[in-house]
Amino acid sequence: MHSIFEFVDYRKYLRAYYIEQKKKSRHFSYRYFAGKAGISSPSFFKQVIDGKRNLTRPVIEKFSSAMKLSHKEADYFLCMVMFDQARTSVEKQQHYNSMRSMAGNFKESVLNGDFFDYFAQWYIPVIRELVTLYDFKDDFKKLASMMNPPIKPSEAKSAIKLLLRLMLLKKDNDGFYKQTDTALIADKSVVSLALQTFAKTMIDHSKLALEQANVDERHISGITMGISPETYSLLAAEIDAFKGRVKSIVNRDKNSSVVYQMNFAFFPVSGNTGGLKGPVEQ
């Protein structure tokens, strides 16, 4: 069985544990595990795996004991459960950081900190785009000054090292950086947390752009409107289609010189009254 440190989703770990124990002994069952853990319900273990029940602190300790986890493994299992059941992104971030710290050097870990690292700093995806637009000749001070807002040269250098290690950039024989088609793969919960962090930062940057960027260099606007759930689904599909058209236009652009960030924020700002009709332009 894979190490517990290769998991982010504790339910997936429990499922893998059950399958492994079943292979070792035909007598192993949900009822058997419940007996070992001191739990009265014989179906509780399966309900947890299926996402129908959560674990409380006392039960987490019972599970760890029944699975004979070491002290470090038990701590990691606790963090996995807390990560899954955290109610805020801040709490998730804290538990995720603890998990990464304990995971150590598991290179093939599904924890995949690489994906999180890519979005952890707003300027890393920006640098991936920017270095393909011009040859900065490994002048990290110059590259750092090109960021808006500027970053430290050491941060720019670290970003390039990460992008090369992840094979999201490659350097050709002439010293130019080019993008690869390599995709990052990670657990969905990690993807969600990483993208939330990135999105929040970029939303903050849009506020700065509203104040600092020239009007002819930025487009920030919105529409306040009353809609039905059906119209929400229709508009969400329209946004996805529009993003597809944007990608097509960008791919045909042969004279790229500036990196832009385009954000979409489409969310409710009221309860469901059903009475407001018609858009209000801002």
C-alpha atoms as a PDB file:
ATOM      1  CA  MET A   1       0.000   0.000   0.000  1.00  0.00           C
ATOM      2  CA  HIS A   2       1.168   3.549  -0.719  1.00  0.00           C
ATOM      3  CA  SER A   3       2.384   5.668   2.171  1.00  0.00           C
ATOM      4  CA  ILE A   4      -0.227   7.748   3.946  1.00  0.00           C
ATOM      5  CA  PHE A   5       1.882  10.795   3.050  1.00  0.00           C
ATOM      6  CA  GLU A   6       0.966  10.297  -0.611  1.00  0.00           C
ATOM      7  CA  PHE A   7      -2.667  11.148   0.075  1.00  0.00           C
ATOM      8  CA  VAL A   8      -4.545  14.416   0.478  1.00  0.00           C
ATOM      9  CA  ASP A   9      -8.076  12.995   0.672  1.00  0.00           C
ATOM     10  CA  TYR A  10      -8.394  10.943   3.863  1.00  0.00           C
ATOM     11  CA  ARG A  11     -11.411   9.074   2.463  1.00  0.00           C
ATOM     12  CA  LYS A  12      -9.283   7.847  -0.436  1.00  0.00           C
ATOM     13  CA  TYR A  13      -6.684   6.725   2.065  1.00  0.00           C
ATOM     14  CA  LEU A  14      -9.289   4.810   4.071  1.00  0.00           C
ATOM     15  CA  ARG A  15     -10.555   3.155   0.889  1.00  0.00           C
ATOM     16  CA  ALA A  16      -7.010   2.136  -0.053  1.00  0.00           C
ATOM     17  CA  TYR A  17      -6.449   0.862   3.489  1.00  0.00           C
ATOM     18  CA  TYR A  18      -9.630  -1.241   3.361  1.00  0.00           C
ATOM     19  CA  ILE A  19      -8.712  -2.771  -0.010  1.00  0.00           C
ATOM     20  CA  GLU A  20      -5.203  -3.593   1.205  1.00  0.00           C
ATOM     21  CA  GLN A  21      -6.417  -5.207   4.424  1.00  0.00           C
ATOM     22  CA  LYS A  22      -9.042  -7.183   2.503  1.00  0.00           C
ATOM     23  CA  LYS A  23      -6.305  -8.588   0.293  1.00  0.00           C
ATOM     24  CA  LYS A  24      -4.294  -9.661   3.331  1.00  0.00           C
ATOM     25  CA  SER A  25      -7.183 -11.321   5.147  1.00  0.00           C
ATOM     26  CA  ARG A  26     -10.567 -12.458   3.869  1.00  0.00           C
ATOM     27  CA  HIS A  27     -11.869 -12.027   7.426  1.00  0.00           C
ATOM     28  CA  PHE A  28     -11.316  -8.276   7.336  1.00  0.00           C
ATOM     29  CA  SER A  29     -14.575  -6.334   6.979  1.00  0.00           C
ATOM     30  CA  TYR A  30     -16.249  -3.078   7.936  1.00  0.00           C
ATOM     31  CA  ARG A  31     -17.677  -4.826  10.987  1.00  0.00           C
ATOM     32  CA  TYR A  32     -14.228  -6.148  11.935  1.00  0.00           C
ATOM     33  CA  PHE A  33     -12.702  -2.663  11.719  1.00  0.00           C
ATOM     34  CA  ALA A  34     -15.532  -1.198  13.771  1.00  0.00           C
ATOM     35  CA  GLY A  35     -14.757  -3.734  16.488  1.00  0.00           C
ATOM     36  CA  LYS A  36     -11.049  -2.846  16.446  1.00  0.00           C
ATOM     37  CA  ALA A  37     -11.855   0.873  16.619  1.00  0.00           C
ATOM     38  CA  GLY A  38     -14.442   0.478  19.376  1.00  0.00           C
ATOM     39  CA  ILE A  39     -17.263   1.842  17.215  1.00  0.00           C
ATOM     40  CA  SER A  40     -20.751   0.399  17.657  1.00  0.00           C
ATOM     41  CA  SER A  41     -21.979   0.912  14.071  1.00  0.00           C
ATOM     42  CA  PRO A  42     -20.579  -1.792  11.743  1.00  0.00           C
ATOM     43  CA  SER A  43     -21.316   0.360   8.670  1.00  0.00           C
ATOM     44  CA  PHE A  44     -19.690   3.548   9.980  1.00  0.00           C
ATOM     45  CA  PHE A  45     -16.339   2.914   8.265  1.00  0.00           C
ATOM     46  CA  LYS A  46     -18.037   2.518   4.874  1.00  0.00           C
ATOM     47  CA  GLN A  47     -20.203   5.606   5.432  1.00  0.00           C
ATOM     48  CA  VAL A  48     -17.077   7.653   6.090  1.00  0.00           C
ATOM     49  CA  ILE A  49     -15.398   6.349   2.933  1.00  0.00           C
ATOM     50  CA  ASP A  50     -18.524   7.159   0.918  1.00  0.00           C
ATOM     51  CA  GLY A  51     -18.607  10.712   2.277  1.00  0.00           C
ATOM     52  CA  LYS A  52     -21.851  10.202   4.212  1.00  0.00           C
ATOM     53  CA  ARG A  53     -20.271  10.655   7.656  1.00  0.00           C
ATOM     54  CA  ASN A  54     -17.457  12.823   9.005  1.00  0.00           C
ATOM     55  CA  LEU A  55     -14.953  12.106  11.746  1.00  0.00           C
ATOM     56  CA  THR A  56     -14.772  13.860  15.109  1.00  0.00           C
ATOM     57  CA  ARG A  57     -11.519  14.211  17.047  1.00  0.00           C
ATOM     58  CA  PRO A  58     -12.197  11.258  19.366  1.00  0.00           C
ATOM     59  CA  VAL A  59     -13.106   9.030  16.414  1.00  0.00           C
ATOM     60  CA  ILE A  60     -10.012  10.161  14.482  1.00  0.00           C
ATOM     61  CA  GLU A  61      -7.917   8.864  17.379  1.00  0.00           C
ATOM     62  CA  LYS A  62      -9.848   5.559  17.356  1.00  0.00           C
ATOM     63  CA  PHE A  63      -9.261   5.161  13.619  1.00  0.00           C
ATOM     64  CA  SER A  64      -5.540   5.926  13.979  1.00  0.00           C
ATOM     65  CA  SER A  65      -5.208   3.374  16.744  1.00  0.00           C
ATOM     66  CA  ALA A  66      -7.123   0.704  14.813  1.00  0.00           C
ATOM     67  CA  MET A  67      -4.952   1.262  11.747  1.00  0.00           C
ATOM     68  CA  LYS A  68      -1.815   1.143  13.931  1.00  0.00           C
ATOM     69  CA  LEU A  69      -0.508   4.456  12.632  1.00  0.00           C
ATOM     70  CA  SER A  70       2.749   5.820  13.994  1.00  0.00           C
ATOM     71  CA  HIS A  71       2.690   9.121  15.878  1.00  0.00           C
ATOM     72  CA  LYS A  72       3.674  11.083  12.755  1.00  0.00           C
ATOM     73  CA  GLU A  73       1.217   9.173  10.578  1.00  0.00           C
ATOM     74  CA  ALA A  74      -1.554   9.821  13.103  1.00  0.00           C
ATOM     75  CA  ASP A  75      -0.764  13.543  13.067  1.00  0.00           C
ATOM     76  CA  TYR A  76      -0.868  13.530   9.281  1.00  0.00           C
ATOM     77  CA  PHE A  77      -4.172  11.647   9.262  1.00  0.00           C
ATOM     78  CA  LEU A  78      -5.597  14.258  11.648  1.00  0.00           C
ATOM     79  CA  CYS A  79      -4.461  17.054   9.309  1.00  0.00           C
ATOM     80  CA  MET A  80      -6.052  15.289   6.331  1.00  0.00           C
ATOM     81  CA  VAL A  81      -9.387  15.102   8.111  1.00  0.00           C
ATOM     82  CA  MET A  82      -9.165  18.716   9.282  1.00  0.00           C
ATOM     83  CA  PHE A  83      -8.211  19.824   5.756  1.00  0.00           C
ATOM     84  CA  ASP A  84     -11.268  18.055   4.329  1.00  0.00           C
ATOM     85  CA  GLN A  85     -13.660  19.414   6.936  1.00  0.00           C
ATOM     86  CA  ALA A  86     -12.267  22.971   7.216  1.00  0.00           C
ATOM     87  CA  ARG A  87     -14.910  25.617   6.614  1.00  0.00           C
ATOM     88  CA  THR A  88     -12.660  28.445   5.408  1.00  0.00           C
ATOM     89  CA  SER A  89      -9.805  28.699   2.920  1.00  0.00           C
ATOM     90  CA  VAL A  90      -7.583  30.064   5.697  1.00  0.00           C
ATOM     91  CA  GLU A  91      -8.134  26.914   7.762  1.00  0.00           C
ATOM     92  CA  LYS A  92      -7.557  24.739   4.703  1.00  0.00           C
ATOM     93  CA  GLN A  93      -4.318  26.609   4.010  1.00  0.00           C
ATOM     94  CA  GLN A  94      -3.069  25.993   7.557  1.00  0.00           C
ATOM     95  CA  HIS A  95      -3.808  22.265   7.485  1.00  0.00           C
ATOM     96  CA  TYR A  96      -2.408  21.918   3.971  1.00  0.00           C
ATOM     97  CA  ASN A  97       0.864  23.570   4.996  1.00  0.00           C
ATOM     98  CA  SER A  98       1.133  21.140   7.920  1.00  0.00           C
ATOM     99  CA  MET A  99       0.537  18.206   5.564  1.00  0.00           C
ATOM    100  CA  ARG A 100       3.216  19.393   3.148  1.00  0.00           C
ATOM    101  CA  SER A 101       5.665  19.823   6.009  1.00  0.00           C
ATOM    102  CA  MET A 102       5.078  16.282   7.247  1.00  0.00           C
ATOM    103  CA  ALA A 103       5.055  14.727   3.767  1.00  0.00           C
ATOM    104  CA  GLY A 104       8.813  15.270   3.547  1.00  0.00           C
ATOM    105  CA  ASN A 105      10.575  13.916   0.475  1.00  0.00           C
ATOM    106  CA  PHE A 106       7.893  11.741  -1.075  1.00  0.00           C
ATOM    107  CA  LYS A 107       8.665  12.680  -4.685  1.00  0.00           C
ATOM    108  CA  GLU A 108       5.684  10.924  -6.245  1.00  0.00           C
ATOM    109  CA  SER A 109       3.264  12.219  -3.657  1.00  0.00           C
ATOM    110  CA  VAL A 110      -0.266  12.977  -4.793  1.00  0.00           C
ATOM    111  CA  LEU A 111       0.068  15.872  -2.363  1.00  0.00           C
ATOM    112  CA  ASN A 112       1.880  17.475  -5.284  1.00  0.00           C
ATOM    113  CA  GLY A 113       3.147  20.653  -3.697  1.00  0.00           C
ATOM    114  CA  ASP A 114       4.511  21.656  -7.109  1.00  0.00           C
ATOM    115  CA  PHE A 115       1.054  22.548  -8.362  1.00  0.00           C
ATOM    116  CA  PHE A 116       0.356  24.578  -5.262  1.00  0.00           C
ATOM    117  CA  ASP A 117       3.725  26.337  -5.563  1.00  0.00           C
ATOM    118  CA  TYR A 118       2.915  27.382  -9.140  1.00  0.00           C
ATOM    119  CA  PHE A 119      -0.136  29.365  -8.032  1.00  0.00           C
ATOM    120  CA  ALA A 120       1.102  30.277  -4.554  1.00  0.00           C
ATOM    121  CA  GLN A 121       2.700  33.482  -5.856  1.00  0.00           C
ATOM    122  CA  TRP A 122       0.786  35.611  -8.344  1.00  0.00           C
ATOM    123  CA  TYR A 123       3.886  36.496 -10.349  1.00  0.00           C
ATOM    124  CA  ILE A 124       4.891  32.919 -11.275  1.00  0.00           C
ATOM    125  CA  PRO A 125       2.211  32.404 -13.971  1.00  0.00           C
ATOM    126  CA  VAL A 126       2.884  36.002 -15.111  1.00  0.00           C
ATOM    127  CA  ILE A 127       6.610  35.331 -15.490  1.00  0.00           C
ATOM    128  CA  ARG A 128       5.834  32.174 -17.475  1.00  0.00           C
ATOM    129  CA  GLU A 129       4.065  34.395 -20.012  1.00  0.00           C
ATOM    130  CA  LEU A 130       6.422  37.365 -19.869  1.00  0.00           C
ATOM    131  CA  VAL A 131       9.750  35.615 -20.499  1.00  0.00           C
ATOM    132  CA  THR A 132       8.466  34.257 -23.801  1.00  0.00           C
ATOM    133  CA  LEU A 133       7.733  37.787 -25.064  1.00  0.00           C
ATOM    134  CA  TYR A 134      11.306  39.089 -24.892  1.00  0.00           C
ATOM    135  CA  ASP A 135      14.817  37.959 -24.015  1.00  0.00           C
ATOM    136  CA  PHE A 136      15.648  39.323 -20.587  1.00  0.00           C
ATOM    137  CA  LYS A 137      19.077  37.605 -20.799  1.00  0.00           C
ATOM    138  CA  ASP A 138      18.756  36.160 -17.283  1.00  0.00           C
ATOM    139  CA  ASP A 139      18.795  39.671 -15.846  1.00  0.00           C
ATOM    140  CA  PHE A 140      16.562  38.924 -12.862  1.00  0.00           C
ATOM    141  CA  LYS A 141      16.691  42.516 -11.633  1.00  0.00           C
ATOM    142  CA  LYS A 142      15.234  43.638 -14.945  1.00  0.00           C
ATOM    143  CA  LEU A 143      12.657  40.833 -14.929  1.00  0.00           C
ATOM    144  CA  ALA A 144      11.591  41.708 -11.376  1.00  0.00           C
ATOM    145  CA  SER A 145      11.126  45.365 -12.319  1.00  0.00           C
ATOM    146  CA  MET A 146       8.835  44.344 -15.177  1.00  0.00           C
ATOM    147  CA  MET A 147       6.281  42.926 -12.747  1.00  0.00           C
ATOM    148  CA  ASN A 148       3.364  45.135 -11.792  1.00  0.00           C
ATOM    149  CA  PRO A 149       3.760  45.644  -8.881  1.00  0.00           C
ATOM    150  CA  PRO A 150       7.538  44.978  -8.924  1.00  0.00           C
ATOM    151  CA  ILE A 151       9.000  42.011  -7.065  1.00  0.00           C
ATOM    152  CA  LYS A 152      12.468  41.168  -5.739  1.00  0.00           C
ATOM    153  CA  PRO A 153      15.151  39.827  -8.155  1.00  0.00           C
ATOM    154  CA  SER A 154      15.513  36.778  -5.892  1.00  0.00           C
ATOM    155  CA  GLU A 155      11.775  36.077  -6.307  1.00  0.00           C
ATOM    156  CA  ALA A 156      12.071  36.343 -10.091  1.00  0.00           C
ATOM    157  CA  LYS A 157      15.025  33.953 -10.091  1.00  0.00           C
ATOM    158  CA  SER A 158      13.202  31.444  -7.877  1.00  0.00           C
ATOM    159  CA  ALA A 159      10.176  31.606 -10.180  1.00  0.00           C
ATOM    160  CA  ILE A 160      12.303  30.780 -13.225  1.00  0.00           C
ATOM    161  CA  LYS A 161      13.920  27.859 -11.384  1.00  0.00           C
ATOM    162  CA  LEU A 162      10.492  26.493 -10.433  1.00  0.00           C
ATOM    163  CA  LEU A 163       9.115  26.850 -13.956  1.00  0.00           C
ATOM    164  CA  LEU A 164      12.140  25.031 -15.399  1.00  0.00           C
ATOM    165  CA  ARG A 165      11.909  22.274 -12.779  1.00  0.00           C
ATOM    166  CA  LEU A 166       8.216  21.787 -13.497  1.00  0.00           C
ATOM    167  CA  MET A 167       9.051  21.749 -17.203  1.00  0.00           C
ATOM    168  CA  LEU A 168       6.557  24.536 -17.814  1.00  0.00           C
ATOM    169  CA  LEU A 169       9.436  26.439 -19.418  1.00  0.00           C
ATOM    170  CA  LYS A 170      12.426  25.238 -21.369  1.00  0.00           C
ATOM    171  CA  LYS A 171      15.526  27.041 -22.545  1.00  0.00           C
ATOM    172  CA  ASP A 172      16.588  26.588 -26.169  1.00  0.00           C
ATOM    173  CA  ASN A 173      20.139  26.546 -27.516  1.00  0.00           C
ATOM    174  CA  ASP A 174      20.088  30.315 -28.033  1.00  0.00           C
ATOM    175  CA  GLY A 175      19.136  30.976 -24.423  1.00  0.00           C
ATOM    176  CA  PHE A 176      15.524  31.922 -25.121  1.00  0.00           C
ATOM    177  CA  TYR A 177      12.754  30.655 -22.844  1.00  0.00           C
ATOM    178  CA  LYS A 178       9.821  28.830 -24.391  1.00  0.00           C
ATOM    179  CA  GLN A 179       6.668  27.366 -22.911  1.00  0.00           C
ATOM    180  CA  THR A 180       6.036  23.638 -22.970  1.00  0.00           C
ATOM    181  CA  ASP A 181       2.687  21.891 -23.084  1.00  0.00           C
ATOM    182  CA  THR A 182       3.344  20.162 -19.761  1.00  0.00           C
ATOM    183  CA  ALA A 183       0.259  20.043 -17.543  1.00  0.00           C
ATOM    184  CA  LEU A 184       0.355  19.981 -13.762  1.00  0.00           C
ATOM    185  CA  ILE A 185      -1.709  17.233 -12.143  1.00  0.00           C
ATOM    186  CA  ALA A 186      -2.752  17.321  -8.517  1.00  0.00           C
ATOM    187  CA  ASP A 187      -5.475  16.276  -6.141  1.00  0.00           C
ATOM    188  CA  LYS A 188      -8.670  18.281  -6.806  1.00  0.00           C
ATOM    189  CA  SER A 189      -8.747  19.671  -3.289  1.00  0.00           C
ATOM    190  CA  VAL A 190      -5.221  21.019  -3.763  1.00  0.00           C
ATOM    191  CA  VAL A 191      -6.168  22.508  -7.137  1.00  0.00           C
ATOM    192  CA  SER A 192      -9.164  24.234  -5.577  1.00  0.00           C
ATOM    193  CA  LEU A 193      -7.135  25.706  -2.721  1.00  0.00           C
ATOM    194  CA  ALA A 194      -4.290  26.837  -5.000  1.00  0.00           C
ATOM    195  CA  LEU A 195      -6.636  28.528  -7.448  1.00  0.00           C
ATOM    196  CA  GLN A 196      -8.567  30.222  -4.632  1.00  0.00           C
ATOM    197  CA  THR A 197      -5.331  31.731  -3.341  1.00  0.00           C
ATOM    198  CA  PHE A 198      -4.316  32.871  -6.822  1.00  0.00           C
ATOM    199  CA  ALA A 199      -7.761  34.299  -7.619  1.00  0.00           C
ATOM    200  CA  LYS A 200      -7.896  36.300  -4.384  1.00  0.00           C
ATOM    201  CA  THR A 201      -4.522  37.870  -5.120  1.00  0.00           C
ATOM    202  CA  MET A 202      -5.484  38.762  -8.678  1.00  0.00           C
ATOM    203  CA  ILE A 203      -8.749  40.313  -7.497  1.00  0.00           C
ATOM    204  CA  ASP A 204      -6.709  42.520  -5.164  1.00  0.00           C
ATOM    205  CA  HIS A 205      -4.497  43.489  -8.114  1.00  0.00           C
ATOM    206  CA  SER A 206      -7.561  44.481 -10.116  1.00  0.00           C
ATOM    207  CA  LYS A 207      -8.377  46.975  -7.352  1.00  0.00           C
ATOM    208  CA  LEU A 208      -4.926  48.504  -7.752  1.00  0.00           C
ATOM    209  CA  ALA A 209      -5.354  48.627 -11.515  1.00  0.00           C
ATOM    210  CA  LEU A 210      -8.629  50.490 -11.088  1.00  0.00           C
ATOM    211  CA  GLU A 211      -6.737  53.226  -9.230  1.00  0.00           C
ATOM    212  CA  GLN A 212      -3.325  53.193 -10.888  1.00  0.00           C
ATOM    213  CA  ALA A 213      -3.596  51.989 -14.511  1.00  0.00           C
ATOM    214  CA  ASN A 214      -4.474  54.408 -17.295  1.00  0.00           C
ATOM    215  CA  VAL A 215      -8.098  54.186 -18.408  1.00  0.00           C
ATOM    216  CA  ASP A 216      -7.019  53.268 -21.945  1.00  0.00           C
ATOM    217  CA  GLU A 217      -4.925  50.376 -20.568  1.00  0.00           C
ATOM    218  CA  ARG A 218      -7.522  48.618 -18.441  1.00  0.00           C
ATOM    219  CA  HIS A 219     -11.169  47.636 -18.724  1.00  0.00           C
ATOM    220  CA  ILE A 220     -12.974  47.081 -15.435  1.00  0.00           C
ATOM    221  CA  SER A 221     -16.763  47.159 -15.450  1.00  0.00           C
ATOM    222  CA  GLY A 222     -19.767  45.244 -14.196  1.00  0.00           C
ATOM    223  CA  ILE A 223     -23.511  44.678 -14.446  1.00  0.00           C
ATOM    224  CA  THR A 224     -25.888  44.356 -11.501  1.00  0.00           C
ATOM    225  CA  MET A 225     -28.934  42.298 -12.557  1.00  0.00           C
ATOM    226  CA  GLY A 226     -31.784  40.150 -11.343  1.00  0.00           C
ATOM    227  CA  ILE A 227     -31.786  36.665 -12.894  1.00  0.00           C
ATOM    228  CA  SER A 228     -33.217  33.177 -12.450  1.00  0.00           C
ATOM    229  CA  PRO A 229     -31.161  30.016 -11.766  1.00  0.00           C
ATOM    230  CA  GLU A 230     -31.760  29.002 -15.384  1.00  0.00           C
ATOM    231  CA  THR A 231     -30.354  32.299 -16.663  1.00  0.00           C
ATOM    232  CA  TYR A 232     -27.381  31.938 -14.331  1.00  0.00           C
ATOM    233  CA  SER A 233     -26.537  28.600 -15.959  1.00  0.00           C
ATOM    234  CA  LEU A 234     -26.969  30.141 -19.418  1.00  0.00           C
ATOM    235  CA  LEU A 235     -24.716  33.111 -18.619  1.00  0.00           C
ATOM    236  CA  ALA A 236     -22.087  30.856 -17.006  1.00  0.00           C
ATOM    237  CA  ALA A 237     -21.994  28.858 -20.249  1.00  0.00           C
ATOM    238  CA  GLU A 238     -21.669  32.104 -22.212  1.00  0.00           C
ATOM    239  CA  ILE A 239     -18.680  33.102 -20.071  1.00  0.00           C
ATOM    240  CA  ASP A 240     -17.009  29.734 -20.728  1.00  0.00           C
ATOM    241  CA  ALA A 241     -17.629  30.133 -24.454  1.00  0.00           C
ATOM    242  CA  PHE A 242     -16.252  33.687 -24.345  1.00  0.00           C
ATOM    243  CA  LYS A 243     -13.080  32.484 -22.595  1.00  0.00           C
ATOM    244  CA  GLY A 244     -12.664  29.962 -25.381  1.00  0.00           C
ATOM    245  CA  ARG A 245     -12.912  32.750 -27.969  1.00  0.00           C
ATOM    246  CA  VAL A 246     -10.419  34.837 -25.988  1.00  0.00           C
ATOM    247  CA  LYS A 247      -7.906  31.977 -26.062  1.00  0.00           C
ATOM    248  CA  SER A 248      -8.376  31.647 -29.809  1.00  0.00           C
ATOM    249  CA  ILE A 249      -7.738  35.382 -30.344  1.00  0.00           C
ATOM    250  CA  VAL A 250      -4.672  35.337 -28.071  1.00  0.00           C
ATOM    251  CA  ASN A 251      -3.221  32.312 -29.874  1.00  0.00           C
ATOM    252  CA  ARG A 252      -3.380  34.257 -33.153  1.00  0.00           C
ATOM    253  CA  ASP A 253      -1.620  37.289 -31.668  1.00  0.00           C
ATOM    254  CA  LYS A 254       1.886  37.426 -33.137  1.00  0.00           C
ATOM    255  CA  ASN A 255       2.903  40.740 -31.556  1.00  0.00           C
ATOM    256  CA  SER A 256       2.380  40.101 -27.822  1.00  0.00           C
ATOM    257  CA  SER A 257       4.262  42.623 -25.658  1.00  0.00           C
ATOM    258  CA  VAL A 258       2.352  42.870 -22.351  1.00  0.00           C
ATOM    259  CA  VAL A 259       0.956  40.253 -19.949  1.00  0.00           C
ATOM    260  CA  TYR A 260      -2.670  40.909 -18.943  1.00  0.00           C
ATOM    261  CA  GLN A 261      -4.878  39.250 -16.335  1.00  0.00           C
ATOM    262  CA  MET A 262      -8.574  38.819 -17.165  1.00  0.00           C
ATOM    263  CA  ASN A 263     -10.853  38.076 -14.210  1.00  0.00           C
ATOM    264  CA  PHE A 264     -14.488  37.010 -14.214  1.00  0.00           C
ATOM    265  CA  ALA A 265     -16.529  37.551 -11.066  1.00  0.00           C
ATOM    266  CA  PHE A 266     -20.146  36.434 -11.334  1.00  0.00           C
ATOM    267  CA  PHE A 267     -21.774  35.919  -7.942  1.00  0.00           C
ATOM    268  CA  PRO A 268     -24.958  36.638  -5.915  1.00  0.00           C
ATOM    269  CA  VAL A 269     -25.156  39.852  -3.932  1.00  0.00           C
ATOM    270  CA  SER A 270     -28.656  39.279  -2.540  1.00  0.00           C
ATOM    271  CA  GLY A 271     -30.966  36.558  -1.315  1.00  0.00           C
ATOM    272  CA  ASN A 272     -33.414  34.892  -3.689  1.00  0.00           C
ATOM    273  CA  THR A 273     -36.307  37.369  -3.915  1.00  0.00           C
ATOM    274  CA  GLY A 274     -37.412  36.712  -7.500  1.00  0.00           C
ATOM    275  CA  GLY A 275     -38.621  40.293  -7.852  1.00  0.00           C
ATOM    276  CA  LEU A 276     -35.768  42.323  -9.369  1.00  0.00           C
ATOM    277  CA  LYS A 277     -35.813  42.533 -13.148  1.00  0.00           C
ATOM    278  CA  GLY A 278     -33.519  44.043 -15.721  1.00  0.00           C
ATOM    279  CA  PRO A 279     -29.786  44.849 -15.710  1.00  0.00           C
ATOM    280  CA  VAL A 280     -28.347  48.056 -14.325  1.00  0.00           C
ATOM    281  CA  GLU A 281     -25.248  49.285 -16.169  1.00  0.00           C
ATOM    282  CA  GLN A 282     -22.316  50.489 -14.053  1.00  0.00           C
END
